[in-house]
Amino acid sequence: MRKTLTGTQSQILQCLESHSEVSIEKLQDRFSFIPDRELYYRLEQIVLMIFVIRGLKGNGVIYTLNSDYSCTVEDDKTVMLGVSAS
């Protein structure tokens, strides 16, 4: 199912794969070339595909990898985890 993602969705998912959790503000900073509305739409598609889970932390929105998907990523040697894109 990962192969059905668009290029931008893949970039967003890769960013999420390299962090335990990512705030919406960090994603907006990292993907500043994408208008906020479009970024939100792309994130919603990734959430609906059950790659990530949207939640709340404090007063902000965070995104974390779905634990079921995270297990498959950890076993996939083509995916790099723990590499900061900052």
N, C-alpha and C. Protein backbone atom coordinates (compact mmCIF):
# COMPACT_ATOMS: atom_id res chain seq x y z
N MET A 1 0.83 -1.19 0.00
CA MET A 1 0.00 0.00 0.00
C MET A 1 0.87 1.25 0.00
N ARG A 2 2.08 1.14 0.53
CA ARG A 2 3.00 2.29 0.58
C ARG A 2 3.34 2.77 -0.83
N LYS A 3 3.33 1.85 -1.79
CA LYS A 3 3.67 2.20 -3.17
C LYS A 3 2.62 3.09 -3.83
N THR A 4 1.42 3.18 -3.24
CA THR A 4 0.36 4.01 -3.81
C THR A 4 0.46 5.47 -3.40
N LEU A 5 1.38 5.79 -2.48
CA LEU A 5 1.54 7.17 -2.03
C LEU A 5 2.14 8.04 -3.13
N THR A 6 1.76 9.29 -3.14
CA THR A 6 2.38 10.24 -4.05
C THR A 6 3.79 10.55 -3.55
N GLY A 7 4.58 11.22 -4.36
CA GLY A 7 5.93 11.59 -3.96
C GLY A 7 5.96 12.42 -2.69
N THR A 8 5.08 13.40 -2.61
CA THR A 8 5.04 14.26 -1.42
C THR A 8 4.57 13.48 -0.20
N GLN A 9 3.57 12.62 -0.37
CA GLN A 9 3.11 11.80 0.75
C GLN A 9 4.23 10.89 1.23
N SER A 10 5.02 10.35 0.32
CA SER A 10 6.15 9.50 0.70
C SER A 10 7.18 10.29 1.50
N GLN A 11 7.44 11.53 1.10
CA GLN A 11 8.37 12.38 1.84
C GLN A 11 7.86 12.64 3.26
N ILE A 12 6.59 12.92 3.37
CA ILE A 12 5.99 13.17 4.69
C ILE A 12 6.09 11.90 5.55
N LEU A 13 5.76 10.76 4.97
CA LEU A 13 5.82 9.51 5.72
C LEU A 13 7.26 9.20 6.13
N GLN A 14 8.22 9.45 5.27
CA GLN A 14 9.63 9.23 5.62
C GLN A 14 10.04 10.10 6.80
N CYS A 15 9.57 11.33 6.81
CA CYS A 15 9.85 12.22 7.94
C CYS A 15 9.26 11.64 9.22
N LEU A 16 8.04 11.14 9.14
CA LEU A 16 7.38 10.54 10.31
C LEU A 16 8.08 9.25 10.73
N GLU A 17 8.61 8.50 9.79
CA GLU A 17 9.31 7.26 10.11
C GLU A 17 10.61 7.52 10.87
N SER A 18 11.18 8.68 10.67
CA SER A 18 12.48 8.96 11.29
C SER A 18 12.36 9.63 12.67
N HIS A 19 11.15 9.83 13.14
CA HIS A 19 10.91 10.43 14.46
C HIS A 19 9.85 9.61 15.20
N SER A 20 9.91 9.60 16.51
CA SER A 20 8.90 8.86 17.26
C SER A 20 7.54 9.56 17.21
N GLU A 21 7.59 10.87 17.20
CA GLU A 21 6.37 11.66 17.02
C GLU A 21 6.76 13.01 16.44
N VAL A 22 5.85 13.57 15.66
CA VAL A 22 6.12 14.84 15.00
C VAL A 22 4.91 15.75 15.19
N SER A 23 5.17 16.97 15.63
CA SER A 23 4.07 17.93 15.79
C SER A 23 3.70 18.51 14.44
N ILE A 24 2.50 19.00 14.35
CA ILE A 24 2.04 19.63 13.11
C ILE A 24 2.91 20.84 12.80
N GLU A 25 3.37 21.54 13.82
CA GLU A 25 4.23 22.71 13.59
C GLU A 25 5.57 22.31 12.97
N LYS A 26 6.12 21.21 13.44
CA LYS A 26 7.39 20.73 12.88
C LYS A 26 7.20 20.31 11.42
N LEU A 27 6.08 19.67 11.14
CA LEU A 27 5.80 19.28 9.76
C LEU A 27 5.59 20.51 8.88
N GLN A 28 4.93 21.52 9.41
CA GLN A 28 4.73 22.75 8.65
C GLN A 28 6.06 23.43 8.37
N ASP A 29 6.97 23.40 9.32
CA ASP A 29 8.31 23.97 9.11
C ASP A 29 9.09 23.16 8.08
N ARG A 30 9.07 21.85 8.26
CA ARG A 30 9.84 20.95 7.38
C ARG A 30 9.33 21.01 5.94
N PHE A 31 8.02 21.11 5.78
CA PHE A 31 7.40 21.12 4.45
C PHE A 31 6.78 22.49 4.16
N SER A 32 7.55 23.53 4.42
CA SER A 32 7.06 24.90 4.24
C SER A 32 6.71 25.22 2.79
N PHE A 33 7.21 24.43 1.85
CA PHE A 33 6.90 24.63 0.44
C PHE A 33 5.49 24.15 0.09
N ILE A 34 4.84 23.46 1.02
CA ILE A 34 3.47 22.98 0.82
C ILE A 34 2.53 23.88 1.62
N PRO A 35 1.51 24.45 0.98
CA PRO A 35 0.53 25.24 1.74
C PRO A 35 -0.09 24.40 2.86
N ASP A 36 -0.38 25.03 4.00
CA ASP A 36 -0.90 24.32 5.17
C ASP A 36 -2.11 23.46 4.85
N ARG A 37 -3.03 23.97 4.07
CA ARG A 37 -4.25 23.22 3.74
C ARG A 37 -3.90 21.94 2.97
N GLU A 38 -2.97 22.05 2.04
CA GLU A 38 -2.56 20.88 1.26
C GLU A 38 -1.80 19.87 2.13
N LEU A 39 -0.94 20.37 3.02
CA LEU A 39 -0.22 19.49 3.93
C LEU A 39 -1.20 18.71 4.79
N TYR A 40 -2.20 19.40 5.32
CA TYR A 40 -3.21 18.73 6.14
C TYR A 40 -3.93 17.65 5.34
N TYR A 41 -4.29 17.95 4.08
CA TYR A 41 -4.97 16.97 3.23
C TYR A 41 -4.09 15.74 3.02
N ARG A 42 -2.81 15.96 2.74
CA ARG A 42 -1.88 14.84 2.51
C ARG A 42 -1.70 14.02 3.78
N LEU A 43 -1.62 14.68 4.93
CA LEU A 43 -1.52 13.97 6.21
C LEU A 43 -2.78 13.15 6.47
N GLU A 44 -3.94 13.70 6.17
CA GLU A 44 -5.20 12.98 6.37
C GLU A 44 -5.23 11.71 5.54
N GLN A 45 -4.72 11.78 4.31
CA GLN A 45 -4.68 10.59 3.47
C GLN A 45 -3.78 9.52 4.10
N ILE A 46 -2.64 9.94 4.65
CA ILE A 46 -1.72 9.00 5.30
C ILE A 46 -2.36 8.41 6.56
N VAL A 47 -3.12 9.21 7.27
CA VAL A 47 -3.84 8.74 8.46
C VAL A 47 -4.91 7.72 8.05
N LEU A 48 -5.66 8.04 7.01
CA LEU A 48 -6.73 7.14 6.55
C LEU A 48 -6.17 5.82 6.04
N MET A 49 -4.95 5.84 5.54
CA MET A 49 -4.30 4.60 5.07
C MET A 49 -3.68 3.83 6.24
N ILE A 50 -3.83 4.37 7.45
CA ILE A 50 -3.42 3.76 8.71
C ILE A 50 -1.90 3.61 8.84
N PHE A 51 -1.15 4.48 8.18
CA PHE A 51 0.29 4.51 8.38
C PHE A 51 0.63 5.23 9.68
N VAL A 52 -0.13 6.29 9.97
CA VAL A 52 0.14 7.10 11.16
C VAL A 52 -1.15 7.35 11.92
N ILE A 53 -0.97 7.78 13.17
CA ILE A 53 -2.10 8.11 14.04
C ILE A 53 -1.96 9.57 14.45
N ARG A 54 -3.05 10.29 14.35
CA ARG A 54 -3.08 11.69 14.79
C ARG A 54 -3.55 11.72 16.23
N GLY A 55 -2.91 12.53 17.05
CA GLY A 55 -3.31 12.64 18.44
C GLY A 55 -3.07 14.04 18.96
N LEU A 56 -3.34 14.21 20.22
CA LEU A 56 -3.14 15.50 20.87
C LEU A 56 -2.08 15.36 21.95
N LYS A 57 -1.25 16.37 22.07
CA LYS A 57 -0.26 16.42 23.15
C LYS A 57 -0.22 17.86 23.60
N GLY A 58 -0.62 18.07 24.84
CA GLY A 58 -0.75 19.44 25.32
C GLY A 58 -1.84 20.13 24.51
N ASN A 59 -1.50 21.26 23.91
CA ASN A 59 -2.46 22.00 23.09
C ASN A 59 -2.23 21.79 21.60
N GLY A 60 -1.35 20.85 21.24
CA GLY A 60 -1.01 20.68 19.84
C GLY A 60 -1.32 19.31 19.29
N VAL A 61 -1.34 19.25 17.97
CA VAL A 61 -1.59 18.00 17.25
C VAL A 61 -0.25 17.35 16.96
N ILE A 62 -0.17 16.03 17.19
CA ILE A 62 1.03 15.27 16.88
C ILE A 62 0.66 14.08 16.00
N TYR A 63 1.64 13.60 15.27
CA TYR A 63 1.48 12.42 14.43
C TYR A 63 2.52 11.40 14.85
N THR A 64 2.10 10.15 15.02
CA THR A 64 3.01 9.06 15.35
C THR A 64 2.74 7.90 14.40
N LEU A 65 3.76 7.08 14.19
CA LEU A 65 3.56 5.90 13.35
C LEU A 65 2.61 4.94 14.03
N ASN A 66 1.74 4.34 13.27
CA ASN A 66 0.88 3.28 13.75
C ASN A 66 1.80 2.13 14.17
N SER A 67 1.60 1.56 15.33
CA SER A 67 2.51 0.52 15.83
C SER A 67 2.56 -0.70 14.92
N ASP A 68 1.44 -1.07 14.30
CA ASP A 68 1.44 -2.20 13.37
C ASP A 68 2.31 -1.90 12.15
N TYR A 69 2.19 -0.68 11.63
CA TYR A 69 3.02 -0.29 10.49
C TYR A 69 4.47 -0.13 10.91
N SER A 70 4.70 0.41 12.07
CA SER A 70 6.05 0.62 12.57
C SER A 70 6.82 -0.69 12.62
N CYS A 71 6.16 -1.77 13.03
CA CYS A 71 6.82 -3.09 13.08
C CYS A 71 7.26 -3.54 11.70
N THR A 72 6.44 -3.29 10.69
CA THR A 72 6.83 -3.69 9.33
C THR A 72 7.97 -2.83 8.82
N VAL A 73 8.00 -1.57 9.21
CA VAL A 73 9.07 -0.66 8.79
C VAL A 73 10.38 -1.08 9.41
N GLU A 74 10.36 -1.45 10.69
CA GLU A 74 11.58 -1.87 11.37
C GLU A 74 12.19 -3.10 10.73
N ASP A 75 11.36 -3.95 10.13
CA ASP A 75 11.85 -5.16 9.46
C ASP A 75 12.26 -4.91 8.02
N ASP A 76 11.95 -3.73 7.47
CA ASP A 76 12.25 -3.40 6.09
C ASP A 76 13.60 -2.71 6.01
N LYS A 77 14.58 -3.36 5.44
CA LYS A 77 15.93 -2.82 5.38
C LYS A 77 16.06 -1.66 4.38
N THR A 78 15.02 -1.43 3.55
CA THR A 78 15.08 -0.31 2.60
C THR A 78 14.62 0.99 3.21
N VAL A 79 14.09 0.95 4.44
CA VAL A 79 13.60 2.13 5.12
C VAL A 79 14.59 2.52 6.21
N MET A 80 14.99 3.79 6.23
CA MET A 80 15.94 4.26 7.24
C MET A 80 15.18 4.88 8.39
N LEU A 81 15.38 4.33 9.57
CA LEU A 81 14.74 4.87 10.77
C LEU A 81 15.75 5.61 11.60
N GLY A 82 15.28 6.60 12.33
CA GLY A 82 16.14 7.31 13.28
C GLY A 82 17.07 8.31 12.65
N VAL A 83 16.86 8.67 11.41
CA VAL A 83 17.70 9.66 10.75
C VAL A 83 16.94 10.97 10.77
N SER A 84 17.50 11.94 11.41
CA SER A 84 16.85 13.24 11.54
C SER A 84 16.95 14.00 10.23
N ALA A 85 15.84 14.56 9.78
CA ALA A 85 15.81 15.34 8.55
C ALA A 85 16.09 16.81 8.82
N SER A 86 16.38 17.14 10.06
CA SER A 86 16.59 18.54 10.43
C SER A 86 17.94 19.04 10.01
